[in-house]
């Protein structure tokens, strides 16, 4: 097949979930013989959205990457409209388009895609939240497969989301819980399928056998991976950890990895590490992996922790991560501080329980989220969706 992938950011060192999914799909599909062109912007930072790399075409392995400058943004207007959405108001069609145009969009990207769209068997666009995805859907609804990476957030309740998820050719979801959320928000969805993400430890392939293992850190630690921000529920895990240490003094540390963001208290028991995403050894050094987020469509880091046989603690209000824990029997979940404390007490007191949950999690990842399994589901989804009747544009 010849496939176009449209995403607002693309690059080897970008760690966001949608960005990883776009890159991994591009790498895996091209490696097996599909032709993959990526259409993306010149931005690498998802906060400032600046044009900080040069436009043009480059070859990354077997993937052709076409970069286009972002449209000039009215940042103040974007934040004003964003705040209106977050207060629970519907923007209306005109204001929605202005919000999308002043987020991450590129009219030059759209023009190029429009001239080339007949070359492609399918156009995969992700995530739903950005103008790059919405305007791709408008260009080619008959070929556009949206990978929404959907969260229950204000933008998901806007009319543009319902319009796109109803009228595009098809949808690919990362989890069954995400698909159920989409059906709750938009009852008249386009045809869809759940595919997910392949999870691997790249050092198993790229490093010599003698270097695949190293001595594991034996200190007790609670690992948080991701940006330190309220949308990831970082303040909650920080608060709960400090309360726990007040009530349970000891050697337990909170280890932070994988993202900048809000500052954290300068304490000996809170440390930051620079993760090696290829080896994933930093997961293996943890005693417990904690994922407090409530808005997820898949959670790559949860499955990476399981690949390294770490037990997981997740928030009960996140249907996606809780469902993973239930299916894998690889973790526990909390709704309140007393539940968090009870779970930590139980896990820290029982190496056997930690080992069993971690082992269960690894078996789940290897069974359900090997790249062979994921690509089989992707092939089935594309075959079905591309044969389905296109939505009404």
Protein backbone atom coordinates (compact mmCIF):
# COMPACT_ATOMS: atom_id res chain seq x y z
CA UNK A 1 0.00 0.00 0.00
CA UNK A 2 0.92 3.65 -0.28
CA UNK A 3 -0.04 5.48 2.90
CA UNK A 4 0.10 9.09 4.02
CA UNK A 5 0.32 9.83 7.75
CA UNK A 6 -0.65 13.35 8.85
CA UNK A 7 0.41 14.51 12.31
CA UNK A 8 1.27 17.95 13.71
CA UNK A 9 4.74 16.89 14.98
CA UNK A 10 7.09 14.15 13.84
CA UNK A 11 10.57 13.22 14.93
CA UNK A 12 12.75 10.63 16.59
CA UNK A 13 13.10 12.45 19.90
CA UNK A 14 9.45 13.45 20.44
CA UNK A 15 7.88 11.51 23.29
CA UNK A 16 4.14 12.35 23.19
CA UNK A 17 1.81 9.37 22.79
CA UNK A 18 0.32 10.41 19.43
CA UNK A 19 3.76 11.37 18.13
CA UNK A 20 5.18 7.97 19.10
CA UNK A 21 2.22 6.20 17.50
CA UNK A 22 2.66 8.12 14.23
CA UNK A 23 6.40 7.41 14.12
CA UNK A 24 6.09 3.74 15.04
CA UNK A 25 3.34 3.16 12.46
CA UNK A 26 5.47 4.89 9.82
CA UNK A 27 8.56 2.86 10.71
CA UNK A 28 6.80 -0.50 10.91
CA UNK A 29 4.69 -0.08 7.76
CA UNK A 30 7.64 1.11 5.68
CA UNK A 31 9.93 -1.63 7.03
CA UNK A 32 7.60 -4.34 5.78
CA UNK A 33 7.35 -2.81 2.29
CA UNK A 34 4.53 -0.25 2.35
CA UNK A 35 5.33 3.21 0.99
CA UNK A 36 4.83 5.80 3.74
CA UNK A 37 4.83 9.59 3.39
CA UNK A 38 4.50 11.70 6.53
CA UNK A 39 2.94 15.16 6.27
CA UNK A 40 3.80 17.27 9.28
CA UNK A 41 4.69 20.81 10.38
CA UNK A 42 7.97 22.48 11.22
CA UNK A 43 7.16 22.47 14.96
CA UNK A 44 8.79 20.25 17.58
CA UNK A 45 7.40 21.87 20.75
CA UNK A 46 3.74 21.28 21.60
CA UNK A 47 3.54 24.26 23.96
CA UNK A 48 4.80 27.16 21.88
CA UNK A 49 4.10 25.65 18.42
CA UNK A 50 6.94 27.49 16.71
CA UNK A 51 8.41 26.76 13.28
CA UNK A 52 11.76 25.61 14.67
CA UNK A 53 12.94 23.23 11.93
CA UNK A 54 13.33 23.95 8.24
CA UNK A 55 10.53 23.11 5.80
CA UNK A 56 11.20 20.60 3.08
CA UNK A 57 11.40 16.88 2.40
CA UNK A 58 13.76 14.45 4.12
CA UNK A 59 14.22 10.71 4.17
CA UNK A 60 14.26 9.08 7.61
CA UNK A 61 15.04 5.44 6.98
CA UNK A 62 12.41 4.31 4.49
CA UNK A 63 9.95 7.04 5.48
CA UNK A 64 9.58 10.22 3.42
CA UNK A 65 8.87 13.17 5.73
CA UNK A 66 7.39 16.34 4.25
CA UNK A 67 7.52 19.36 6.60
CA UNK A 68 5.48 22.53 6.15
CA UNK A 69 5.44 25.78 8.12
CA UNK A 70 2.68 26.36 10.63
CA UNK A 71 0.13 29.01 9.81
CA UNK A 72 0.70 32.28 11.68
CA UNK A 73 -1.22 32.08 14.95
CA UNK A 74 -3.22 34.55 17.02
CA UNK A 75 -2.20 33.01 20.33
CA UNK A 76 -4.34 35.31 22.48
CA UNK A 77 -7.45 34.51 20.44
CA UNK A 78 -6.69 30.78 20.59
CA UNK A 79 -6.44 30.85 24.38
CA UNK A 80 -9.58 32.96 24.69
CA UNK A 81 -11.57 30.43 22.64
CA UNK A 82 -9.92 27.53 24.45
CA UNK A 83 -10.96 29.00 27.81
CA UNK A 84 -14.51 29.39 26.52
CA UNK A 85 -14.59 25.68 25.63
CA UNK A 86 -13.18 24.72 29.03
CA UNK A 87 -16.00 26.64 30.69
CA UNK A 88 -18.45 24.29 29.00
CA UNK A 89 -19.63 26.44 26.10
CA UNK A 90 -19.98 25.35 22.47
CA UNK A 91 -18.04 27.63 20.16
CA UNK A 92 -20.20 27.25 17.07
CA UNK A 93 -18.95 26.41 13.58
CA UNK A 94 -17.16 29.67 12.77
CA UNK A 95 -15.35 29.99 16.10
CA UNK A 96 -14.37 26.31 16.05
CA UNK A 97 -12.62 26.78 12.72
CA UNK A 98 -10.84 29.86 14.07
CA UNK A 99 -9.72 27.84 17.12
CA UNK A 100 -8.42 25.05 14.87
CA UNK A 101 -6.63 27.48 12.54
CA UNK A 102 -4.90 29.17 15.48
CA UNK A 103 -3.81 25.90 17.02
CA UNK A 104 -1.59 23.69 14.86
CA UNK A 105 -2.46 23.89 11.17
CA UNK A 106 -0.66 24.48 7.89
CA UNK A 107 -2.36 25.61 4.71
CA UNK A 108 0.78 24.71 2.75
CA UNK A 109 0.53 21.14 4.07
CA UNK A 110 -3.12 21.02 3.04
CA UNK A 111 -2.35 22.32 -0.45
CA UNK A 112 0.36 19.69 -0.98
CA UNK A 113 -1.83 16.89 0.34
CA UNK A 114 -4.68 18.01 -1.91
CA UNK A 115 -2.47 17.75 -5.00
CA UNK A 116 -1.13 14.32 -4.01
CA UNK A 117 -4.10 12.63 -2.38
CA UNK A 118 -4.89 10.44 -5.40
CA UNK A 119 -1.46 8.79 -4.97
CA UNK A 120 -2.44 7.22 -1.65
CA UNK A 121 -4.55 4.20 -0.78
CA UNK A 122 -5.27 5.64 2.67
CA UNK A 123 -4.53 8.80 4.67
CA UNK A 124 -4.08 8.25 8.41
CA UNK A 125 -4.56 11.45 10.46
CA UNK A 126 -3.95 11.86 14.19
CA UNK A 127 -4.78 13.02 16.80
CA UNK A 128 -8.28 14.49 16.57
CA UNK A 129 -7.46 17.66 18.51
CA UNK A 130 -5.52 19.59 15.86
CA UNK A 131 -6.24 21.45 12.67
CA UNK A 132 -3.80 19.22 10.80
CA UNK A 133 -6.23 16.34 11.35
CA UNK A 134 -9.50 18.20 10.87
CA UNK A 135 -8.49 19.89 7.62
CA UNK A 136 -7.07 16.60 6.31
CA UNK A 137 -10.50 15.08 6.85
CA UNK A 138 -12.07 17.97 4.93
CA UNK A 139 -9.66 17.44 2.01
CA UNK A 140 -10.23 13.73 1.59
CA UNK A 141 -13.09 12.30 3.69
CA UNK A 142 -13.29 9.31 1.35
CA UNK A 143 -9.68 8.25 2.14
CA UNK A 144 -9.13 9.70 5.60
CA UNK A 145 -8.84 7.22 8.49
CA UNK A 146 -8.80 9.24 11.72
CA UNK A 147 -6.90 7.87 14.71
CA UNK A 148 -8.51 10.17 17.26
CA UNK A 149 -6.51 9.39 20.45
CA UNK A 150 -9.68 10.65 22.11
CA UNK A 151 -9.94 12.03 25.65
CA UNK A 152 -13.07 13.19 27.47
CA UNK A 153 -12.17 16.87 27.35
CA UNK A 154 -13.92 20.06 26.18
CA UNK A 155 -12.79 19.81 22.54
CA UNK A 156 -14.24 16.32 22.29
CA UNK A 157 -17.71 17.79 22.91
CA UNK A 158 -17.52 20.36 20.12
CA UNK A 159 -19.42 20.06 16.85
CA UNK A 160 -16.27 19.78 14.70
CA UNK A 161 -15.32 16.58 16.52
CA UNK A 162 -18.74 15.00 15.96
CA UNK A 163 -18.70 16.08 12.30
CA UNK A 164 -15.27 14.59 11.65
CA UNK A 165 -15.86 11.35 13.57
CA UNK A 166 -19.20 10.85 11.81
CA UNK A 167 -18.24 11.67 8.23
CA UNK A 168 -14.68 10.46 7.79
CA UNK A 169 -14.03 7.16 6.00
CA UNK A 170 -13.19 5.28 9.16
CA UNK A 171 -11.76 5.38 12.68
CA UNK A 172 -8.97 3.45 14.36
CA UNK A 173 -9.06 3.40 18.15
CA UNK A 174 -6.22 2.61 20.50
CA UNK A 175 -8.37 0.80 23.07
CA UNK A 176 -11.90 -0.52 23.54
CA UNK A 177 -12.42 2.02 26.32
CA UNK A 178 -11.57 4.85 23.88
CA UNK A 179 -14.05 3.40 21.36
CA UNK A 180 -16.78 3.33 24.03
CA UNK A 181 -16.06 6.97 24.90
CA UNK A 182 -16.36 7.90 21.21
CA UNK A 183 -19.74 6.15 20.99
CA UNK A 184 -20.97 8.00 24.08
CA UNK A 185 -19.91 11.35 22.64
CA UNK A 186 -20.93 10.70 19.01
CA UNK A 187 -23.60 7.98 18.64
CA UNK A 188 -23.47 8.13 14.82
CA UNK A 189 -19.78 7.26 14.42
CA UNK A 190 -18.14 6.32 11.16
CA UNK A 191 -17.10 2.63 10.96
CA UNK A 192 -14.24 1.86 13.30
CA UNK A 193 -11.92 -0.77 14.74
CA UNK A 194 -9.64 -1.09 17.76
CA UNK A 195 -5.98 -1.67 16.85
CA UNK A 196 -3.69 -0.35 19.60
CA UNK A 197 0.06 0.21 19.67
CA UNK A 198 2.98 -2.20 19.43
CA UNK A 199 5.26 -2.13 22.47
CA UNK A 200 8.88 -3.23 22.31
CA UNK A 201 12.18 -2.91 24.11
CA UNK A 202 14.48 -1.86 21.33
CA UNK A 203 17.68 -2.81 23.14
CA UNK A 204 16.67 -6.45 22.70
CA UNK A 205 17.39 -5.94 19.01
CA UNK A 206 20.05 -3.23 18.89
CA UNK A 207 22.39 -4.03 21.81
CA UNK A 208 24.91 -6.88 22.07
CA UNK A 209 23.74 -9.72 24.35
CA UNK A 210 26.41 -8.90 26.94
CA UNK A 211 24.93 -5.42 27.42
CA UNK A 212 21.25 -6.28 27.57
CA UNK A 213 21.19 -6.58 31.34
CA UNK A 214 22.57 -4.40 34.07
CA UNK A 215 22.41 -4.44 37.84
CA UNK A 216 18.99 -3.34 39.02
CA UNK A 217 18.62 -0.52 41.53
CA UNK A 218 17.44 -2.13 44.78
CA UNK A 219 16.09 1.01 46.52
CA UNK A 220 12.32 1.41 46.87
CA UNK A 221 10.82 3.81 44.38
CA UNK A 222 7.51 4.97 42.94
CA UNK A 223 7.98 5.91 39.28
CA UNK A 224 6.00 8.64 37.47
CA UNK A 225 6.60 9.04 33.73
CA UNK A 226 5.30 12.02 31.75
CA UNK A 227 4.99 15.77 31.76
CA UNK A 228 4.63 17.38 35.17
CA UNK A 229 1.32 19.14 34.62
CA UNK A 230 -2.23 19.21 35.92
CA UNK A 231 -3.66 17.58 32.76
CA UNK A 232 -1.56 14.50 33.58
CA UNK A 233 -2.68 14.59 37.24
CA UNK A 234 0.91 15.11 38.37
CA UNK A 235 -0.08 17.34 41.33
CA UNK A 236 -2.16 14.46 42.68
CA UNK A 237 0.64 11.89 42.70
CA UNK A 238 2.96 14.49 44.22
CA UNK A 239 0.47 15.26 47.00
CA UNK A 240 -0.25 11.58 47.67
CA UNK A 241 3.44 10.67 47.78
CA UNK A 242 4.24 13.41 50.31
CA UNK A 243 1.25 12.44 52.46
CA UNK A 244 2.38 8.83 52.33
CA UNK A 245 5.90 9.72 53.43
CA UNK A 246 4.49 11.74 56.33
CA UNK A 247 2.52 8.73 57.50
CA UNK A 248 5.07 6.10 56.44
CA UNK A 249 8.59 7.53 56.89
CA UNK A 250 11.18 5.44 55.18
CA UNK A 251 13.36 4.99 52.11
CA UNK A 252 10.66 5.20 49.40
CA UNK A 253 11.52 7.74 46.68
CA UNK A 254 9.39 9.36 44.00
CA UNK A 255 11.25 9.13 40.68
CA UNK A 256 10.19 11.48 37.86
CA UNK A 257 11.02 10.69 34.24
CA UNK A 258 10.17 11.74 30.76
CA UNK A 259 8.96 15.30 30.74
CA UNK A 260 9.41 18.89 31.80
CA UNK A 261 6.60 20.97 33.21
CA UNK A 262 5.73 22.19 36.68
CA UNK A 263 8.45 22.48 39.34
CA UNK A 264 8.55 19.99 42.20
CA UNK A 265 9.74 20.31 45.81
CA UNK A 266 13.47 20.05 46.44
CA UNK A 267 13.58 16.97 48.62
CA UNK A 268 16.02 14.10 48.87
CA UNK A 269 13.20 11.61 48.30
CA UNK A 270 12.03 13.20 45.00
CA UNK A 271 14.46 12.76 42.11
CA UNK A 272 14.39 13.27 38.37
CA UNK A 273 16.05 10.93 35.86
CA UNK A 274 16.70 11.13 32.13
CA UNK A 275 15.05 8.02 30.65
CA UNK A 276 16.58 5.75 28.03
CA UNK A 277 13.51 5.08 25.89
CA UNK A 278 15.28 2.39 23.89
CA UNK A 279 16.36 0.18 26.78
CA UNK A 280 13.50 0.97 29.21
CA UNK A 281 15.88 0.05 32.05
CA UNK A 282 14.57 2.96 34.13
CA UNK A 283 11.22 1.14 34.37
CA UNK A 284 13.03 -1.96 35.59
CA UNK A 285 14.72 0.08 38.33
CA UNK A 286 11.35 1.07 39.81
CA UNK A 287 9.54 -0.78 42.57
CA UNK A 288 6.07 0.41 41.54
CA UNK A 289 4.92 2.28 38.43
CA UNK A 290 2.24 4.91 39.15
CA UNK A 291 0.03 6.34 36.40
CA UNK A 292 -2.38 8.87 37.96
CA UNK A 293 -3.81 10.27 34.71
CA UNK A 294 -7.54 10.11 34.03
CA UNK A 295 -7.52 11.08 30.33
CA UNK A 296 -5.84 8.43 28.20
CA UNK A 297 -6.65 6.70 24.92
CA UNK A 298 -4.05 3.92 25.33
CA UNK A 299 -1.10 4.65 27.71
CA UNK A 300 2.14 3.52 26.09
CA UNK A 301 4.09 4.05 29.31
CA UNK A 302 1.85 1.68 31.28
CA UNK A 303 2.57 -1.14 28.86
CA UNK A 304 6.27 -0.27 28.75
CA UNK A 305 6.35 -0.63 32.55
CA UNK A 306 4.71 -4.05 32.24
CA UNK A 307 7.19 -5.08 29.57
CA UNK A 308 9.80 -4.54 32.30
CA UNK A 309 7.62 -6.53 34.76
CA UNK A 310 6.74 -3.64 37.06
CA UNK A 311 3.41 -3.67 38.96
CA UNK A 312 1.15 -0.73 38.13
CA UNK A 313 -0.99 1.62 40.19
CA UNK A 314 -3.52 3.64 38.19
CA UNK A 315 -6.43 6.00 38.80
CA UNK A 316 -9.81 4.27 38.95
CA UNK A 317 -11.46 7.11 37.03
CA UNK A 318 -9.37 6.36 33.92
CA UNK A 319 -11.37 3.74 32.07
CA UNK A 320 -8.49 2.96 29.71
CA UNK A 321 -5.76 2.21 32.25
CA UNK A 322 -8.15 0.47 34.64
CA UNK A 323 -9.35 -1.78 31.79
CA UNK A 324 -5.74 -2.65 30.95
CA UNK A 325 -5.14 -3.57 34.61
CA UNK A 326 -8.27 -5.71 34.73
CA UNK A 327 -7.46 -7.57 31.52
CA UNK A 328 -3.80 -8.06 32.38
CA UNK A 329 -4.24 -8.63 36.13
CA UNK A 330 -1.14 -6.48 36.28
CA UNK A 331 -2.07 -3.61 38.57
CA UNK A 332 -4.34 -2.00 41.15
CA UNK A 333 -6.32 1.24 41.10
CA UNK A 334 -7.29 3.97 43.57
CA UNK A 335 -9.95 6.66 43.87
CA UNK A 336 -8.74 8.40 47.02
CA UNK A 337 -5.71 8.82 49.24
CA UNK A 338 -6.72 6.05 51.69
CA UNK A 339 -6.94 3.60 48.77
CA UNK A 340 -3.57 4.81 47.45
CA UNK A 341 -2.00 4.28 50.88
CA UNK A 342 -3.48 0.80 51.23
CA UNK A 343 -2.23 -0.22 47.78
CA UNK A 344 1.30 1.08 48.42
CA UNK A 345 1.42 -0.67 51.81
CA UNK A 346 0.34 -3.92 50.23
CA UNK A 347 2.76 -3.78 47.30
CA UNK A 348 5.76 -2.62 49.30
CA UNK A 349 5.19 -5.40 51.82
CA UNK A 350 5.01 -8.18 49.22
CA UNK A 351 7.76 -8.70 46.64
CA UNK A 352 5.85 -11.82 45.59
CA UNK A 353 2.73 -9.81 44.72
CA UNK A 354 4.79 -7.23 42.84
CA UNK A 355 6.50 -9.97 40.85
CA UNK A 356 3.21 -11.70 40.01
CA UNK A 357 1.51 -8.50 38.83
CA UNK A 358 4.57 -7.55 36.78
CA UNK A 359 4.77 -10.99 35.21
CA UNK A 360 1.06 -10.91 34.36
CA UNK A 361 1.51 -7.50 32.78
CA UNK A 362 4.40 -8.62 30.60
CA UNK A 363 2.44 -11.65 29.37
CA UNK A 364 -0.47 -9.35 28.45
CA UNK A 365 1.77 -6.98 26.49
CA UNK A 366 3.50 -9.79 24.62
CA UNK A 367 0.18 -11.45 23.79
CA UNK A 368 -1.89 -8.41 22.80
CA UNK A 369 0.60 -5.71 21.81
CA UNK A 370 3.45 -7.30 19.94
CA UNK A 371 3.92 -5.56 16.61
CA UNK A 372 2.88 -8.72 14.80
CA UNK A 373 -0.47 -8.68 16.62
CA UNK A 374 -0.98 -4.95 16.15
CA UNK A 375 -0.14 -4.97 12.44
CA UNK A 376 -2.53 -7.87 11.86
CA UNK A 377 -5.30 -5.83 13.47
CA UNK A 378 -4.28 -2.75 11.48
CA UNK A 379 -4.36 -4.69 8.19
CA UNK A 380 -7.81 -6.09 9.02
CA UNK A 381 -9.05 -2.63 9.98
CA UNK A 382 -7.77 -0.94 6.82
CA UNK A 383 -9.16 -3.69 4.59
CA UNK A 384 -12.58 -3.37 6.21
CA UNK A 385 -12.69 0.42 6.44
CA UNK A 386 -11.46 1.07 2.93
CA UNK A 387 -14.13 -1.27 1.54
CA UNK A 388 -16.85 0.31 3.67
CA UNK A 389 -19.12 2.93 2.21
CA UNK A 390 -17.58 6.36 2.63
CA UNK A 391 -19.32 8.82 4.93
CA UNK A 392 -21.40 11.69 3.60
CA UNK A 393 -19.19 14.73 3.28
